Each structure stands twice: as C-alpha cells, then as structure tokens.
Amino acid sequence: MERVKRLLRLAAGAVAFVAYVWFAAVRLTPRVKRRKAARRAHLQ
C-alpha cells in the first residue's frame, strides 16, 4: 500500500510539473512572437 501511495504522489507531481510548464509556455507565447517578429523586421 505504501508503494501505491508513493507512485500516486510521484504521478501527481509529474502532472503538476507538466501543467506548470505548459501554463508558463502559453503565458509567454505573445512575448516570444513579438520578439521574433521584431528580429525578422530588423533583419530585412
């Protein structure tokens, strides 16, 4: 039973980590797109 609890806790931690990374990426997307557009405009 202790092993199952440990596995569940590990799985929950992994899901939380993936969700955090995904939310951070979605939040930063507009800034990254603006930076790339500015670089493209500067290079032309």
PDB file of N, CA and C in Angstrom:
ATOM      1  N   MET A   1       0.825  -1.211   0.000  1.00  0.00           N
ATOM      2  CA  MET A   1       0.000   0.000   0.000  1.00  0.00           C
ATOM      3  C   MET A   1       0.863   1.267   0.000  1.00  0.00           C
ATOM      4  N   GLU A   2       1.956   1.205   0.748  1.00  0.00           N
ATOM      5  CA  GLU A   2       2.846   2.377   0.805  1.00  0.00           C
ATOM      6  C   GLU A   2       3.448   2.667  -0.568  1.00  0.00           C
ATOM      7  N   ARG A   3       3.710   1.613  -1.317  1.00  0.00           N
ATOM      8  CA  ARG A   3       4.279   1.775  -2.657  1.00  0.00           C
ATOM      9  C   ARG A   3       3.289   2.460  -3.598  1.00  0.00           C
ATOM     10  N   VAL A   4       2.011   2.116  -3.474  1.00  0.00           N
ATOM     11  CA  VAL A   4       0.974   2.726  -4.301  1.00  0.00           C
ATOM     12  C   VAL A   4       0.859   4.209  -3.981  1.00  0.00           C
ATOM     13  N   LYS A   5       0.896   4.554  -2.713  1.00  0.00           N
ATOM     14  CA  LYS A   5       0.816   5.971  -2.318  1.00  0.00           C
ATOM     15  C   LYS A   5       1.998   6.751  -2.891  1.00  0.00           C
ATOM     16  N   ARG A   6       3.179   6.129  -2.834  1.00  0.00           N
ATOM     17  CA  ARG A   6       4.373   6.795  -3.369  1.00  0.00           C
ATOM     18  C   ARG A   6       4.251   7.004  -4.875  1.00  0.00           C
ATOM     19  N   LEU A   7       3.755   5.984  -5.564  1.00  0.00           N
ATOM     20  CA  LEU A   7       3.571   6.114  -7.017  1.00  0.00           C
ATOM     21  C   LEU A   7       2.544   7.189  -7.350  1.00  0.00           C
ATOM     22  N   LEU A   8       1.450   7.221  -6.600  1.00  0.00           N
ATOM     23  CA  LEU A   8       0.424   8.245  -6.843  1.00  0.00           C
ATOM     24  C   LEU A   8       0.975   9.643  -6.593  1.00  0.00           C
ATOM     25  N   ARG A   9       1.759   9.781  -5.526  1.00  0.00           N
ATOM     26  CA  ARG A   9       2.349  11.087  -5.224  1.00  0.00           C
ATOM     27  C   ARG A   9       3.324  11.501  -6.322  1.00  0.00           C
ATOM     28  N   LEU A  10       4.106  10.561  -6.817  1.00  0.00           N
ATOM     29  CA  LEU A  10       5.047  10.836  -7.896  1.00  0.00           C
ATOM     30  C   LEU A  10       4.310  11.218  -9.175  1.00  0.00           C
ATOM     31  N   ALA A  11       3.241  10.502  -9.494  1.00  0.00           N
ATOM     32  CA  ALA A  11       2.449  10.809 -10.692  1.00  0.00           C
ATOM     33  C   ALA A  11       1.806  12.188 -10.568  1.00  0.00           C
ATOM     34  N   ALA A  12       1.287  12.508  -9.384  1.00  0.00           N
ATOM     35  CA  ALA A  12       0.674  13.818  -9.176  1.00  0.00           C
ATOM     36  C   ALA A  12       1.714  14.926  -9.339  1.00  0.00           C
ATOM     37  N   GLY A  13       2.905  14.697  -8.848  1.00  0.00           N
ATOM     38  CA  GLY A  13       3.981  15.678  -9.002  1.00  0.00           C
ATOM     39  C   GLY A  13       4.355  15.869 -10.462  1.00  0.00           C
ATOM     40  N   ALA A  14       4.396  14.782 -11.214  1.00  0.00           N
ATOM     41  CA  ALA A  14       4.729  14.871 -12.639  1.00  0.00           C
ATOM     42  C   ALA A  14       3.653  15.635 -13.397  1.00  0.00           C
ATOM     43  N   VAL A  15       2.396  15.366 -13.098  1.00  0.00           N
ATOM     44  CA  VAL A  15       1.290  16.081 -13.756  1.00  0.00           C
ATOM     45  C   VAL A  15       1.346  17.564 -13.406  1.00  0.00           C
ATOM     46  N   ALA A  16       1.611  17.867 -12.151  1.00  0.00           N
ATOM     47  CA  ALA A  16       1.706  19.271 -11.735  1.00  0.00           C
ATOM     48  C   ALA A  16       2.854  19.974 -12.452  1.00  0.00           C
ATOM     49  N   PHE A  17       3.981  19.299 -12.605  1.00  0.00           N
ATOM     50  CA  PHE A  17       5.133  19.891 -13.289  1.00  0.00           C
ATOM     51  C   PHE A  17       4.819  20.160 -14.755  1.00  0.00           C
ATOM     52  N   VAL A  18       4.209  19.198 -15.417  1.00  0.00           N
ATOM     53  CA  VAL A  18       3.853  19.374 -16.835  1.00  0.00           C
ATOM     54  C   VAL A  18       2.844  20.518 -16.983  1.00  0.00           C
ATOM     55  N   ALA A  19       1.867  20.584 -16.093  1.00  0.00           N
ATOM     56  CA  ALA A  19       0.870  21.666 -16.157  1.00  0.00           C
ATOM     57  C   ALA A  19       1.540  23.021 -15.943  1.00  0.00           C
ATOM     58  N   TYR A  20       2.485  23.100 -15.007  1.00  0.00           N
ATOM     59  CA  TYR A  20       3.186  24.360 -14.752  1.00  0.00           C
ATOM     60  C   TYR A  20       3.974  24.814 -15.987  1.00  0.00           C
ATOM     61  N   VAL A  21       4.701  23.879 -16.586  1.00  0.00           N
ATOM     62  CA  VAL A  21       5.493  24.219 -17.770  1.00  0.00           C
ATOM     63  C   VAL A  21       4.580  24.649 -18.914  1.00  0.00           C
ATOM     64  N   TRP A  22       3.456  23.954 -19.076  1.00  0.00           N
ATOM     65  CA  TRP A  22       2.527  24.287 -20.155  1.00  0.00           C
ATOM     66  C   TRP A  22       1.940  25.678 -19.949  1.00  0.00           C
ATOM     67  N   PHE A  23       1.492  25.982 -18.734  1.00  0.00           N
ATOM     68  CA  PHE A  23       0.930  27.307 -18.462  1.00  0.00           C
ATOM     69  C   PHE A  23       1.974  28.396 -18.660  1.00  0.00           C
ATOM     70  N   ALA A  24       3.199  28.154 -18.240  1.00  0.00           N
ATOM     71  CA  ALA A  24       4.262  29.152 -18.423  1.00  0.00           C
ATOM     72  C   ALA A  24       4.516  29.384 -19.913  1.00  0.00           C
ATOM     73  N   ALA A  25       4.529  28.325 -20.692  1.00  0.00           N
ATOM     74  CA  ALA A  25       4.767  28.465 -22.133  1.00  0.00           C
ATOM     75  C   ALA A  25       3.633  29.235 -22.796  1.00  0.00           C
ATOM     76  N   VAL A  26       2.401  28.927 -22.432  1.00  0.00           N
ATOM     77  CA  VAL A  26       1.252  29.621 -23.019  1.00  0.00           C
ATOM     78  C   VAL A  26       1.274  31.094 -22.635  1.00  0.00           C
ATOM     79  N   ARG A  27       1.671  31.376 -21.399  1.00  0.00           N
ATOM     80  CA  ARG A  27       1.697  32.765 -20.934  1.00  0.00           C
ATOM     81  C   ARG A  27       2.772  33.573 -21.660  1.00  0.00           C
ATOM     82  N   LEU A  28       3.885  32.945 -21.996  1.00  0.00           N
ATOM     83  CA  LEU A  28       4.992  33.661 -22.630  1.00  0.00           C
ATOM     84  C   LEU A  28       4.889  33.714 -24.152  1.00  0.00           C
ATOM     85  N   THR A  29       3.955  33.004 -24.743  1.00  0.00           N
ATOM     86  CA  THR A  29       3.861  32.931 -26.204  1.00  0.00           C
ATOM     87  C   THR A  29       3.775  34.297 -26.878  1.00  0.00           C
ATOM     88  N   PRO A  30       2.905  35.216 -26.447  1.00  0.00           N
ATOM     89  CA  PRO A  30       2.835  36.517 -27.133  1.00  0.00           C
ATOM     90  C   PRO A  30       4.167  37.277 -27.106  1.00  0.00           C
ATOM     91  N   ARG A  31       4.873  37.217 -25.996  1.00  0.00           N
ATOM     92  CA  ARG A  31       6.154  37.919 -25.883  1.00  0.00           C
ATOM     93  C   ARG A  31       7.177  37.331 -26.850  1.00  0.00           C
ATOM     94  N   VAL A  32       7.207  36.010 -26.946  1.00  0.00           N
ATOM     95  CA  VAL A  32       8.156  35.342 -27.850  1.00  0.00           C
ATOM     96  C   VAL A  32       7.827  35.690 -29.298  1.00  0.00           C
ATOM     97  N   LYS A  33       6.541  35.699 -29.637  1.00  0.00           N
ATOM     98  CA  LYS A  33       6.145  36.026 -31.013  1.00  0.00           C
ATOM     99  C   LYS A  33       6.522  37.462 -31.366  1.00  0.00           C
ATOM    100  N   ARG A  34       6.332  38.385 -30.427  1.00  0.00           N
ATOM    101  CA  ARG A  34       6.713  39.783 -30.668  1.00  0.00           C
ATOM    102  C   ARG A  34       8.214  39.903 -30.878  1.00  0.00           C
ATOM    103  N   ARG A  35       8.980  39.199 -30.055  1.00  0.00           N
ATOM    104  CA  ARG A  35      10.433  39.262 -30.174  1.00  0.00           C
ATOM    105  C   ARG A  35      10.895  38.703 -31.523  1.00  0.00           C
ATOM    106  N   LYS A  36      10.291  37.589 -31.945  1.00  0.00           N
ATOM    107  CA  LYS A  36      10.675  37.005 -33.233  1.00  0.00           C
ATOM    108  C   LYS A  36      10.285  37.932 -34.392  1.00  0.00           C
ATOM    109  N   ALA A  37       9.104  38.548 -34.303  1.00  0.00           N
ATOM    110  CA  ALA A  37       8.670  39.470 -35.356  1.00  0.00           C
ATOM    111  C   ALA A  37       9.597  40.675 -35.425  1.00  0.00           C
ATOM    112  N   ALA A  38      10.005  41.204 -34.279  1.00  0.00           N
ATOM    113  CA  ALA A  38      10.921  42.348 -34.245  1.00  0.00           C
ATOM    114  C   ALA A  38      12.258  41.968 -34.865  1.00  0.00           C
ATOM    115  N   ARG A  39      12.728  40.758 -34.561  1.00  0.00           N
ATOM    116  CA  ARG A  39      14.009  40.332 -35.140  1.00  0.00           C
ATOM    117  C   ARG A  39      13.899  40.180 -36.646  1.00  0.00           C
ATOM    118  N   ARG A  40      12.779  39.606 -37.099  1.00  0.00           N
ATOM    119  CA  ARG A  40      12.588  39.444 -38.554  1.00  0.00           C
ATOM    120  C   ARG A  40      12.524  40.811 -39.235  1.00  0.00           C
ATOM    121  N   ALA A  41      11.828  41.769 -38.650  1.00  0.00           N
ATOM    122  CA  ALA A  41      11.703  43.100 -39.240  1.00  0.00           C
ATOM    123  C   ALA A  41      13.068  43.801 -39.269  1.00  0.00           C
ATOM    124  N   HIS A  42      13.853  43.565 -38.239  1.00  0.00           N
ATOM    125  CA  HIS A  42      15.173  44.202 -38.142  1.00  0.00           C
ATOM    126  C   HIS A  42      16.127  43.626 -39.190  1.00  0.00           C
ATOM    127  N   LEU A  43      16.010  42.342 -39.471  1.00  0.00           N
ATOM    128  CA  LEU A  43      16.936  41.697 -40.412  1.00  0.00           C
ATOM    129  C   LEU A  43      16.633  42.021 -41.861  1.00  0.00           C
ATOM    130  N   GLN A  44      15.438  42.444 -42.153  1.00  0.00           N
ATOM    131  CA  GLN A  44      15.079  42.695 -43.566  1.00  0.00           C
ATOM    132  C   GLN A  44      15.499  44.070 -44.002  1.00  0.00           C
TER     133      GLN A  44
END
